[in-house]
Amino acid sequence: MTKRPTIIEVAEAAGVSKSTVSLVLQDSPLVKDETRAKVRETMRAIGYVYNRAAANLRSANVGLIGLVINDLRNPFFTEFATSLQMALSARGYATVIANTDEDPTIQAQVVGSMVEHGVSGLVISPTYGGTEATFGPLERAGIPVLQVLRQASGDTARFPFASFDYLSGGRAATRHLLDIGARRIAFVGGPEGRPITAERMAGYLAVLRDAGMEPIILPGRSSRAFGREAALRLGREFPEVDAAVCFNDLVALGMIAGFAAAGRRVGADFRLVGFDDIEECAMVYPQLSSVRCNIAGFGRVAADTLVDWLEQDKHPVPVTRAPVELVVRASSGG
C-alpha cells in the first residue's frame, strides 16, 4: 500500500513551515495569497488529502507541551521539571515528560514521537550528539522550542537558549575559597570536553589566572560515586590541594563521603563548594556551600516564556542568563 503524503512532506515540498500548511488548511487570513496558492498547488502535486476527522482528533492535543530532560535522576533537573510542569498546568497546558539518560538516540526518538503526537511546544535540556536528528524534525515541524540549562543547537534565533550565569557563579565560589585562605584549589567533576563543563569551569579558571595559580582539574561523571573516588584520588595524588569547586552538588556530596572515609574533615582540613544548591545541601553534615541557581523560579519563567510565545507570538530573545548567588555554609568554613 502506498503511504499517504503527510503535512510535513507538504511543508518540505512547498518550502514553508508545518504551521503555515496548517493555517492554509484552516483558511486562515494570516497566510499571504501567493503562499496559500503555492501550498495548495503542492498538495495537488504530491497527492495530499486533508483528513478533517483525523485533524479534529489531533486538536485534542492542542495545549500539550513536550519536556525532554537529559538526566531526571539528578534532583536539580527533577525540581526544574516539576516547577515547569506545575507552571504550565496553571496556564492551562498539560506536559508530557521524557528522560533521555544522556543518550542522543533516545532523545531523537522521544522528540520525534512528541512531534508526531502534535505537541504545541517543546522545552528541552539536551544531551550532546545527534543534533540534527533531534532538532531537524523540530525545525521542519515549526514547533516553538526552548533550549534550557544546556545548549546543543547553535541556532538560538530558531531555538532560544535560557540558562544560568555559570561564569559568575564559578568566579564567586573560587574567589570565596581564596579569600578564606585556600592555597591550591581543584575543579572536580563534569564530563570532559562538554560545553556545560566549560561554562561551569570558566569562572574558576579566570580567578586562578588572575591570581597567578595553576588549575588542577579532575573531570568525570556528575555523580556521587565519582565525587567519592575523586576525594580519595586527591589525597593520594594531590595532597597539597586543600579546596575544590565542584561541577555540581552530587559530586560535592560524594566528596564529603570520600573524605569521611579517609578521615579528612570537610570544612576544616578541606574546603568544598558545590554548584546548584539542591535541597540536600542544607541537610547533609557538614552543610554544603553551593552556588545557588533558583531552579524553581527558572522553571516558572520558562513556562511563561513558552506560553507567551505560543499565545502572543512573543519570540524569546536568543540567549538568557538568570543570576546566581553563592550560599556559604560549613563545608567552606561558613
Foldseek 3Di string as FASTA:
>chain_A
DDDADDLLNLCVVLVHASVLLVCLVVVHPVDDPVSSVSSVVSCVVRVHDDDVVVVVVLVVQEQEEEEEEADCVDVLVVLLVVLLQVLSVVVPHHYDYDYPPLPLVSQLVVQVVCVVSPHQAYEYQDHEDPVCSRCVVVRSNVHAYEHEQADHDPPLQRHAYEYAQLQVFLLVVLVLLVVVPWDAEEEEEDAPPGPLQCRNCNNVVVNCVVVVHDYHYHYDHLALCRLLVVLVVCVVPPVSGAEYEYSAVRSVNSVCVNCVVVVADQLPRHAYEGEACDVCQVVDVPRHKYWHDPSSVVSSVVNVQSVCCSPVVPHDDSYYHHYIHIDDTRRHND
